[in-house]
C-alpha atoms as a PDB file:
ATOM      1  CA  MET A   1      65.437 169.148 154.977  1.00  0.00           C
ATOM      2  CA  SER A   2      68.743 171.167 156.675  1.00  0.00           C
ATOM      3  CA  LEU A   3      69.068 170.506 160.015  1.00  0.00           C
ATOM      4  CA  CYS A   4      69.682 173.084 162.813  1.00  0.00           C
ATOM      5  CA  GLU A   5      72.628 172.908 164.800  1.00  0.00           C
ATOM      6  CA  ALA A   6      71.078 171.200 167.904  1.00  0.00           C
ATOM      7  CA  GLU A   7      70.149 168.501 165.811  1.00  0.00           C
ATOM      8  CA  LYS A   8      73.675 168.532 164.358  1.00  0.00           C
ATOM      9  CA  THR A   9      74.835 168.099 168.104  1.00  0.00           C
ATOM     10  CA  PHE A  10      72.716 165.279 168.716  1.00  0.00           C
ATOM     11  CA  VAL A  11      74.248 162.985 165.686  1.00  0.00           C
ATOM     12  CA  LEU A  12      77.394 164.238 166.642  1.00  0.00           C
ATOM     13  CA  HIS A  13      77.196 163.048 170.194  1.00  0.00           C
ATOM     14  CA  GLY A  14      75.934 159.478 168.758  1.00  0.00           C
ATOM     15  CA  VAL A  15      78.736 159.015 166.274  1.00  0.00           C
ATOM     16  CA  GLU A  16      80.974 159.688 169.535  1.00  0.00           C
ATOM     17  CA  GLU A  17      79.241 157.401 171.655  1.00  0.00           C
ATOM     18  CA  ASN A  18      79.160 154.525 168.697  1.00  0.00           C
ATOM     19  CA  LEU A  19      75.302 154.740 168.892  1.00  0.00           C
ATOM     20  CA  ARG A  20      74.175 156.572 165.773  1.00  0.00           C
ATOM     21  CA  ILE A  21      70.621 157.847 165.918  1.00  0.00           C
ATOM     22  CA  ASP A  22      69.440 154.277 163.798  1.00  0.00           C
ATOM     23  CA  GLY A  23      71.138 152.344 166.553  1.00  0.00           C
ATOM     24  CA  ARG A  24      74.104 151.506 164.335  1.00  0.00           C
ATOM     25  CA  ASP A  25      77.729 151.500 164.831  1.00  0.00           C
ATOM     26  CA  ARG A  26      80.177 153.356 163.302  1.00  0.00           C
ATOM     27  CA  GLU A  27      80.982 150.163 160.830  1.00  0.00           C
ATOM     28  CA  GLN A  28      77.753 149.188 159.953  1.00  0.00           C
ATOM     29  CA  TYR A  29      75.581 149.340 157.279  1.00  0.00           C
ATOM     30  CA  ARG A  30      71.766 149.776 157.143  1.00  0.00           C
ATOM     31  CA  PRO A  31      69.661 146.692 156.215  1.00  0.00           C
ATOM     32  CA  MET A  32      70.052 146.160 151.891  1.00  0.00           C
ATOM     33  CA  GLU A  33      67.327 144.453 149.813  1.00  0.00           C
ATOM     34  CA  LEU A  34      68.440 143.308 146.854  1.00  0.00           C
ATOM     35  CA  GLU A  35      66.036 142.037 143.094  1.00  0.00           C
ATOM     36  CA  THR A  36      67.540 141.034 139.956  1.00  0.00           C
ATOM     37  CA  ASP A  37      65.410 141.020 136.319  1.00  0.00           C
ATOM     38  CA  VAL A  38      63.727 144.231 137.250  1.00  0.00           C
ATOM     39  CA  VAL A  39      63.950 145.444 133.545  1.00  0.00           C
ATOM     40  CA  SER A  40      62.760 143.151 130.816  1.00  0.00           C
ATOM     41  CA  HIS A  41      64.008 144.521 127.945  1.00  0.00           C
ATOM     42  CA  ALA A  42      67.633 144.889 129.591  1.00  0.00           C
ATOM     43  CA  PHE A  43      70.592 141.747 129.067  1.00  0.00           C
ATOM     44  CA  GLY A  44      70.884 142.112 132.910  1.00  0.00           C
ATOM     45  CA  SER A  45      69.509 144.234 136.025  1.00  0.00           C
ATOM     46  CA  ALA A  46      69.038 145.075 139.433  1.00  0.00           C
ATOM     47  CA  ARG A  47      67.434 147.059 142.176  1.00  0.00           C
ATOM     48  CA  LEU A  48      69.081 147.918 145.509  1.00  0.00           C
ATOM     49  CA  ARG A  49      67.160 149.781 148.183  1.00  0.00           C
ATOM     50  CA  LEU A  50      69.341 151.100 151.287  1.00  0.00           C
ATOM     51  CA  ALA A  51      66.928 152.423 153.738  1.00  0.00           C
ATOM     52  CA  ASN A  52      65.906 155.527 151.858  1.00  0.00           C
ATOM     53  CA  THR A  53      68.165 155.502 149.073  1.00  0.00           C
ATOM     54  CA  ASP A  54      66.797 153.206 145.917  1.00  0.00           C
ATOM     55  CA  VAL A  55      68.203 152.480 142.551  1.00  0.00           C
ATOM     56  CA  LEU A  56      68.096 150.849 139.617  1.00  0.00           C
ATOM     57  CA  VAL A  57      70.524 149.688 137.199  1.00  0.00           C
ATOM     58  CA  ALA A  58      70.096 148.569 133.890  1.00  0.00           C
ATOM     59  CA  VAL A  59      72.634 146.631 130.970  1.00  0.00           C
ATOM     60  CA  LYS A  60      72.820 146.846 127.721  1.00  0.00           C
ATOM     61  CA  ILE A  61      74.444 145.282 124.949  1.00  0.00           C
ATOM     62  CA  GLU A  62      75.654 145.987 121.706  1.00  0.00           C
ATOM     63  CA  VAL A  63      78.371 145.173 119.251  1.00  0.00           C
ATOM     64  CA  ASP A  64      80.938 147.544 118.360  1.00  0.00           C
ATOM     65  CA  ALA A  65      85.055 147.898 117.308  1.00  0.00           C
ATOM     66  CA  PRO A  66      87.108 148.178 119.857  1.00  0.00           C
ATOM     67  CA  PHE A  67      89.558 151.310 120.615  1.00  0.00           C
ATOM     68  CA  PRO A  68      92.708 151.441 118.496  1.00  0.00           C
ATOM     69  CA  ASP A  69      95.084 151.205 121.346  1.00  0.00           C
ATOM     70  CA  ARG A  70      93.094 148.597 123.092  1.00  0.00           C
ATOM     71  CA  PRO A  71      92.364 146.059 120.032  1.00  0.00           C
ATOM     72  CA  THR A  72      91.950 143.090 122.342  1.00  0.00           C
ATOM     73  CA  GLU A  73      89.432 144.217 124.932  1.00  0.00           C
ATOM     74  CA  GLY A  74      85.493 145.651 124.606  1.00  0.00           C
ATOM     75  CA  LYS A  75      84.322 148.849 126.176  1.00  0.00           C
ATOM     76  CA  LEU A  76      82.278 149.649 129.185  1.00  0.00           C
ATOM     77  CA  GLU A  77      80.482 153.082 129.631  1.00  0.00           C
ATOM     78  CA  PHE A  78      78.198 153.959 132.520  1.00  0.00           C
ATOM     79  CA  PHE A  79      75.552 156.634 132.791  1.00  0.00           C
ATOM     80  CA  VAL A  80      74.041 158.144 135.364  1.00  0.00           C
ATOM     81  CA  ASP A  81      70.369 159.652 135.955  1.00  0.00           C
ATOM     82  CA  CYS A  82      69.938 161.780 138.898  1.00  0.00           C
ATOM     83  CA  SER A  83      65.960 161.944 138.770  1.00  0.00           C
ATOM     84  CA  ALA A  84      65.059 165.233 140.132  1.00  0.00           C
ATOM     85  CA  ASN A  85      62.023 163.853 142.165  1.00  0.00           C
ATOM     86  CA  ALA A  86      65.044 161.800 144.133  1.00  0.00           C
ATOM     87  CA  THR A  87      65.686 164.619 146.064  1.00  0.00           C
ATOM     88  CA  PRO A  88      65.285 168.247 145.377  1.00  0.00           C
ATOM     89  CA  ASP A  89      69.083 168.493 145.385  1.00  0.00           C
ATOM     90  CA  PHE A  90      69.335 167.210 141.750  1.00  0.00           C
ATOM     91  CA  GLU A  91      67.481 170.009 140.991  1.00  0.00           C
ATOM     92  CA  GLY A  92      69.082 171.781 138.205  1.00  0.00           C
ATOM     93  CA  ARG A  93      72.901 171.529 138.060  1.00  0.00           C
ATOM     94  CA  GLY A  94      73.682 169.833 141.152  1.00  0.00           C
ATOM     95  CA  GLY A  95      72.376 166.393 139.842  1.00  0.00           C
ATOM     96  CA  GLU A  96      74.614 166.565 136.726  1.00  0.00           C
ATOM     97  CA  GLU A  97      77.711 167.583 138.711  1.00  0.00           C
ATOM     98  CA  LEU A  98      76.921 164.434 140.916  1.00  0.00           C
ATOM     99  CA  ALA A  99      75.743 162.071 138.078  1.00  0.00           C
ATOM    100  CA  ALA A 100      79.430 162.853 136.432  1.00  0.00           C
ATOM    101  CA  GLU A 101      81.272 162.801 139.417  1.00  0.00           C
ATOM    102  CA  ILE A 102      79.780 158.823 140.350  1.00  0.00           C
ATOM    103  CA  SER A 103      79.948 157.810 136.348  1.00  0.00           C
ATOM    104  CA  ASN A 104      83.678 159.444 136.588  1.00  0.00           C
ATOM    105  CA  CYS A 105      84.751 157.281 139.850  1.00  0.00           C
ATOM    106  CA  LEU A 106      82.583 153.786 138.510  1.00  0.00           C
ATOM    107  CA  SER A 107      84.703 154.176 135.515  1.00  0.00           C
ATOM    108  CA  SER A 108      87.988 154.536 137.051  1.00  0.00           C
ATOM    109  CA  ALA A 109      87.269 151.687 139.772  1.00  0.00           C
ATOM    110  CA  TYR A 110      86.606 149.358 136.499  1.00  0.00           C
ATOM    111  CA  SER A 111      89.539 150.244 134.458  1.00  0.00           C
ATOM    112  CA  SER A 112      92.071 147.870 135.700  1.00  0.00           C
ATOM    113  CA  SER A 113      92.336 144.391 134.284  1.00  0.00           C
ATOM    114  CA  LEU A 114      92.418 143.484 137.863  1.00  0.00           C
ATOM    115  CA  SER A 115      88.284 144.408 138.487  1.00  0.00           C
ATOM    116  CA  PHE A 116      86.678 144.074 135.337  1.00  0.00           C
ATOM    117  CA  ASP A 117      88.670 141.970 132.607  1.00  0.00           C
ATOM    118  CA  LEU A 118      87.330 143.944 129.302  1.00  0.00           C
ATOM    119  CA  THR A 119      89.192 141.014 127.294  1.00  0.00           C
ATOM    120  CA  LYS A 120      86.385 138.761 127.879  1.00  0.00           C
ATOM    121  CA  LEU A 121      84.043 141.271 125.632  1.00  0.00           C
ATOM    122  CA  CYS A 122      86.348 140.918 122.516  1.00  0.00           C
ATOM    123  CA  ILE A 123      85.208 139.020 119.617  1.00  0.00           C
ATOM    124  CA  VAL A 124      87.940 139.589 116.656  1.00  0.00           C
ATOM    125  CA  LYS A 125      90.591 141.192 117.328  1.00  0.00           C
ATOM    126  CA  GLY A 126      91.048 144.904 116.665  1.00  0.00           C
ATOM    127  CA  ARG A 127      87.518 144.385 114.766  1.00  0.00           C
ATOM    128  CA  LYS A 128      84.254 143.705 116.716  1.00  0.00           C
ATOM    129  CA  CYS A 129      83.546 144.053 120.710  1.00  0.00           C
ATOM    130  CA  TRP A 130      80.738 143.995 122.749  1.00  0.00           C
ATOM    131  CA  LYS A 131      80.068 146.948 124.570  1.00  0.00           C
ATOM    132  CA  LEU A 132      78.168 147.174 127.505  1.00  0.00           C
ATOM    133  CA  TYR A 133      76.335 150.691 128.105  1.00  0.00           C
ATOM    134  CA  VAL A 134      75.258 150.662 131.936  1.00  0.00           C
ATOM    135  CA  ASP A 135      72.317 153.028 132.657  1.00  0.00           C
ATOM    136  CA  ILE A 136      72.230 154.124 136.524  1.00  0.00           C
ATOM    137  CA  LEU A 137      68.584 155.689 137.952  1.00  0.00           C
ATOM    138  CA  ILE A 138      68.067 157.015 140.775  1.00  0.00           C
ATOM    139  CA  LEU A 139      64.977 156.562 142.237  1.00  0.00           C
ATOM    140  CA  GLU A 140      65.211 157.958 146.071  1.00  0.00           C
ATOM    141  CA  CYS A 141      68.310 159.497 147.403  1.00  0.00           C
ATOM    142  CA  GLY A 142      68.494 158.904 151.365  1.00  0.00           C
ATOM    143  CA  GLY A 143      72.434 159.052 151.773  1.00  0.00           C
ATOM    144  CA  ASN A 144      75.152 157.095 150.704  1.00  0.00           C
ATOM    145  CA  LEU A 145      74.814 156.892 146.740  1.00  0.00           C
ATOM    146  CA  PHE A 146      78.088 155.622 145.781  1.00  0.00           C
ATOM    147  CA  ASP A 147      78.016 152.582 148.257  1.00  0.00           C
ATOM    148  CA  ALA A 148      74.636 151.749 147.054  1.00  0.00           C
ATOM    149  CA  ILE A 149      75.087 152.198 143.022  1.00  0.00           C
ATOM    150  CA  SER A 150      78.629 149.945 143.052  1.00  0.00           C
ATOM    151  CA  ILE A 151      76.563 147.338 144.576  1.00  0.00           C
ATOM    152  CA  ALA A 152      74.091 147.259 142.225  1.00  0.00           C
ATOM    153  CA  VAL A 153      75.954 147.894 139.348  1.00  0.00           C
ATOM    154  CA  LYS A 154      78.151 144.893 140.625  1.00  0.00           C
ATOM    155  CA  VAL A 155      75.178 142.846 140.858  1.00  0.00           C
ATOM    156  CA  ALA A 156      73.461 143.936 137.570  1.00  0.00           C
ATOM    157  CA  LEU A 157      76.724 142.592 135.726  1.00  0.00           C
ATOM    158  CA  TRP A 158      76.354 139.287 137.777  1.00  0.00           C
ATOM    159  CA  ASN A 159      73.143 138.749 136.419  1.00  0.00           C
ATOM    160  CA  THR A 160      73.828 140.201 132.869  1.00  0.00           C
ATOM    161  CA  GLN A 161      73.706 137.939 129.771  1.00  0.00           C
ATOM    162  CA  VAL A 162      76.161 137.916 127.062  1.00  0.00           C
ATOM    163  CA  PRO A 163      75.213 136.136 123.832  1.00  0.00           C
ATOM    164  CA  LYS A 164      77.312 133.631 122.803  1.00  0.00           C
ATOM    165  CA  VAL A 165      78.813 133.675 118.798  1.00  0.00           C
ATOM    166  CA  ARG A 166      77.955 130.966 116.905  1.00  0.00           C
ATOM    167  CA  CYS A 167      80.019 131.938 113.940  1.00  0.00           C
ATOM    168  CA  ILE A 168      82.115 134.821 112.422  1.00  0.00           C
ATOM    169  CA  ASP A 169      81.797 135.575 108.670  1.00  0.00           C
ATOM    170  CA  MET A 170      84.862 137.741 107.493  1.00  0.00           C
ATOM    171  CA  ASP A 171      84.792 139.190 103.927  1.00  0.00           C
ATOM    172  CA  GLY A 172      87.547 142.005 103.490  1.00  0.00           C
ATOM    173  CA  ASN A 173      86.332 145.015 106.095  1.00  0.00           C
ATOM    174  CA  THR A 174      83.405 142.999 106.495  1.00  0.00           C
ATOM    175  CA  VAL A 175      82.391 141.204 109.369  1.00  0.00           C
ATOM    176  CA  ASP A 176      78.981 139.944 110.009  1.00  0.00           C
ATOM    177  CA  ILE A 177      78.536 138.214 112.985  1.00  0.00           C
ATOM    178  CA  ASN A 178      75.486 135.618 113.750  1.00  0.00           C
ATOM    179  CA  VAL A 179      74.908 135.125 117.624  1.00  0.00           C
ATOM    180  CA  CYS A 180      72.524 132.555 119.140  1.00  0.00           C
ATOM    181  CA  GLN A 181      69.211 133.457 120.497  1.00  0.00           C
ATOM    182  CA  ASP A 182      68.661 131.314 122.889  1.00  0.00           C
ATOM    183  CA  MET A 183      68.910 132.961 126.478  1.00  0.00           C
ATOM    184  CA  PHE A 184      69.982 129.319 128.028  1.00  0.00           C
ATOM    185  CA  GLU A 185      73.293 129.803 125.570  1.00  0.00           C
ATOM    186  CA  CYS A 186      74.306 133.080 126.939  1.00  0.00           C
ATOM    187  CA  GLN A 187      77.532 133.893 128.957  1.00  0.00           C
ATOM    188  CA  ARG A 188      77.535 135.344 132.154  1.00  0.00           C
ATOM    189  CA  LEU A 189      80.081 138.041 133.257  1.00  0.00           C
ATOM    190  CA  ASP A 190      82.860 137.201 135.885  1.00  0.00           C
ATOM    191  CA  VAL A 191      82.227 139.983 138.548  1.00  0.00           C
ATOM    192  CA  GLU A 192      84.370 138.354 141.096  1.00  0.00           C
ATOM    193  CA  ASN A 193      86.732 141.294 141.280  1.00  0.00           C
ATOM    194  CA  ALA A 194      84.053 143.787 140.454  1.00  0.00           C
ATOM    195  CA  PRO A 195      84.429 146.927 142.994  1.00  0.00           C
ATOM    196  CA  VAL A 196      82.118 147.882 145.779  1.00  0.00           C
ATOM    197  CA  MET A 197      82.212 150.968 146.771  1.00  0.00           C
ATOM    198  CA  VAL A 198      83.003 152.316 150.840  1.00  0.00           C
ATOM    199  CA  THR A 199      81.892 155.772 151.790  1.00  0.00           C
ATOM    200  CA  VAL A 200      84.028 156.986 154.783  1.00  0.00           C
ATOM    201  CA  CYS A 201      82.469 159.867 156.729  1.00  0.00           C
ATOM    202  CA  LYS A 202      84.306 162.409 158.995  1.00  0.00           C
ATOM    203  CA  ILE A 203      82.270 163.165 161.899  1.00  0.00           C
ATOM    204  CA  GLY A 204      83.916 165.139 165.028  1.00  0.00           C
ATOM    205  CA  ASP A 205      86.612 163.055 165.874  1.00  0.00           C
ATOM    206  CA  LYS A 206      85.189 159.963 164.669  1.00  0.00           C
ATOM    207  CA  CYS A 207      84.608 158.062 161.168  1.00  0.00           C
ATOM    208  CA  ILE A 208      82.086 156.368 159.752  1.00  0.00           C
ATOM    209  CA  VAL A 209      80.578 154.349 156.951  1.00  0.00           C
ATOM    210  CA  ASP A 210      77.009 154.075 155.590  1.00  0.00           C
ATOM    211  CA  PRO A 211      75.893 157.487 156.410  1.00  0.00           C
ATOM    212  CA  ASN A 212      72.652 158.454 156.236  1.00  0.00           C
ATOM    213  CA  ALA A 213      70.938 162.143 154.385  1.00  0.00           C
ATOM    214  CA  ALA A 214      71.128 163.609 158.433  1.00  0.00           C
ATOM    215  CA  GLU A 215      75.171 162.300 159.023  1.00  0.00           C
ATOM    216  CA  GLU A 216      75.767 163.386 155.460  1.00  0.00           C
ATOM    217  CA  GLN A 217      75.020 167.211 156.550  1.00  0.00           C
ATOM    218  CA  CYS A 218      77.573 166.865 160.001  1.00  0.00           C
ATOM    219  CA  SER A 219      80.436 165.242 157.758  1.00  0.00           C
ATOM    220  CA  VAL A 220      83.857 167.685 157.510  1.00  0.00           C
ATOM    221  CA  GLY A 221      84.645 165.388 154.784  1.00  0.00           C
ATOM    222  CA  SER A 222      84.547 162.174 153.111  1.00  0.00           C
ATOM    223  CA  VAL A 223      86.252 159.602 150.988  1.00  0.00           C
ATOM    224  CA  VAL A 224      85.203 157.015 148.678  1.00  0.00           C
ATOM    225  CA  VAL A 225      87.214 154.018 148.738  1.00  0.00           C
ATOM    226  CA  ALA A 226      86.623 151.789 145.904  1.00  0.00           C
ATOM    227  CA  VAL A 227      87.892 148.127 146.760  1.00  0.00           C
ATOM    228  CA  SER A 228      88.399 144.793 144.392  1.00  0.00           C
ATOM    229  CA  GLY A 229      88.941 141.978 145.768  1.00  0.00           C
ATOM    230  CA  ASN A 230      92.048 142.538 148.366  1.00  0.00           C
ATOM    231  CA  ARG A 231      92.865 146.250 147.121  1.00  0.00           C
ATOM    232  CA  LEU A 232      92.219 149.496 146.585  1.00  0.00           C
ATOM    233  CA  SER A 233      91.397 150.527 142.897  1.00  0.00           C
ATOM    234  CA  THR A 234      90.241 153.691 143.448  1.00  0.00           C
ATOM    235  CA  VAL A 235      90.098 156.703 146.163  1.00  0.00           C
ATOM    236  CA  LEU A 236      87.812 159.803 145.573  1.00  0.00           C
ATOM    237  CA  GLN A 237      87.514 162.827 148.132  1.00  0.00           C
ATOM    238  CA  THR A 238      83.596 164.378 148.083  1.00  0.00           C
ATOM    239  CA  GLY A 239      82.561 167.280 149.802  1.00  0.00           C
ATOM    240  CA  MET A 240      83.818 170.324 150.185  1.00  0.00           C
ATOM    241  CA  GLY A 241      86.014 169.881 153.293  1.00  0.00           C
ATOM    242  CA  SER A 242      89.320 168.378 153.537  1.00  0.00           C
ATOM    243  CA  LEU A 243      91.097 165.593 155.508  1.00  0.00           C
ATOM    244  CA  HIS A 244      94.559 165.890 157.983  1.00  0.00           C
ATOM    245  CA  PRO A 245      97.077 163.566 155.959  1.00  0.00           C
ATOM    246  CA  LEU A 246      95.999 161.090 159.376  1.00  0.00           C
ATOM    247  CA  THR A 247      92.545 161.109 158.963  1.00  0.00           C
ATOM    248  CA  LEU A 248      92.592 160.319 154.907  1.00  0.00           C
ATOM    249  CA  VAL A 249      94.988 157.282 156.543  1.00  0.00           C
ATOM    250  CA  GLU A 250      92.287 156.318 158.802  1.00  0.00           C
ATOM    251  CA  CYS A 251      89.432 156.763 156.378  1.00  0.00           C
ATOM    252  CA  LEU A 252      91.435 154.534 154.038  1.00  0.00           C
ATOM    253  CA  LYS A 253      91.946 151.694 156.674  1.00  0.00           C
ATOM    254  CA  MET A 254      88.618 151.512 157.458  1.00  0.00           C
ATOM    255  CA  GLY A 255      87.059 151.692 153.916  1.00  0.00           C
ATOM    256  CA  HIS A 256      89.357 148.612 152.585  1.00  0.00           C
ATOM    257  CA  LYS A 257      88.266 146.686 156.104  1.00  0.00           C
ATOM    258  CA  VAL A 258      84.573 147.419 155.806  1.00  0.00           C
ATOM    259  CA  GLY A 259      84.839 146.900 151.887  1.00  0.00           C
ATOM    260  CA  LYS A 260      86.295 143.690 152.262  1.00  0.00           C
ATOM    261  CA  LYS A 261      83.262 142.484 154.558  1.00  0.00           C
ATOM    262  CA  LEU A 262      80.836 143.806 152.113  1.00  0.00           C
ATOM    263  CA  ASP A 263      81.801 142.427 148.846  1.00  0.00           C
ATOM    264  CA  GLU A 264      82.313 139.164 150.819  1.00  0.00           C
ATOM    265  CA  ALA A 265      78.562 139.561 151.945  1.00  0.00           C
ATOM    266  CA  VAL A 266      77.390 140.136 148.053  1.00  0.00           C
ATOM    267  CA  LYS A 267      79.074 137.754 146.775  1.00  0.00           C
ATOM    268  CA  GLU A 268      77.462 135.077 149.651  1.00  0.00           C
ATOM    269  CA  ILE A 269      74.254 135.871 148.321  1.00  0.00           C
ATOM    270  CA  LEU A 270      74.787 135.833 144.601  1.00  0.00           C
ATOM    271  CA  GLU A 271      76.010 132.209 145.014  1.00  0.00           C
ATOM    272  CA  LYS A 272      73.152 131.357 147.174  1.00  0.00           C
ATOM    273  CA  SER A 273      70.853 133.134 144.747  1.00  0.00           C
ATOM    274  CA  PRO A 274      69.444 132.071 141.748  1.00  0.00           C
ATOM    275  CA  LYS A 275      70.622 133.257 138.553  1.00  0.00           C
ATOM    276  CA  GLY A 276      67.558 135.419 137.883  1.00  0.00           C
ATOM    277  CA  GLY A 277      64.026 136.833 139.427  1.00  0.00           C
ATOM    278  CA  ASP A 278      65.755 136.700 142.642  1.00  0.00           C
ATOM    279  CA  VAL A 279      65.972 139.062 146.103  1.00  0.00           C
ATOM    280  CA  GLY A 280      68.674 139.245 148.889  1.00  0.00           C
ATOM    281  CA  PHE A 281      68.835 140.531 152.057  1.00  0.00           C
ATOM    282  CA  LEU A 282      72.334 142.419 153.304  1.00  0.00           C
ATOM    283  CA  ASN A 283      71.970 142.844 157.076  1.00  0.00           C
END
């Protein structure tokens, strides 16, 4: 639903006063709810609810051949489904374009070995590797999709169980792999530096994080910052507006600062939670 000019002015004044329409300050997130093991046939899964934004992520694994130019690495692919039921904006090609944008941003953020070590997915150099399919379904859109999806992906990968290889039989060009069927013998992925994304919006003369749907309509420009550990791995400008170079620097500083805090909060929940069937809350 589009906002009228009076509603946009109300949102703008709230941001200027550092008291947004839902009571938050400019650097505060809405409460999040995390749940794992929500897809029974997946190797790992997570669901995240960020206010009215609801995202489901499932990870599937298969054996594949590594890329010729990267013989010691496994593969990681992202697929985003923007359900038309989530918001009318996803009808037609709008959902397809956003899905491609999110998928490309995730691929870029996870491409560095400092963010996610794909060599851990190698089985036989140049011959066999694990390929991870990360399927993302947007169930409901209430603003700030990039951040919600990035956290859900990180938690789903943390929840993923990679089967251990019991033995490898090589006969010429044929490679047979025998994997362990016991779920208790599976390996966990290292997501220590897996990126989290922070969307920074410029509204009026101020920048905010975690914009809701109303605030997104008032934004003159947005930047998505992917934070991996203590570094920025990807920066993506979204929306139709442009940002002054000084404003861009301000957005990057805020994104880096908030991203580190958000990543620490996610890690703290994962450390305290059991490996499956858990529910975590971020406030």
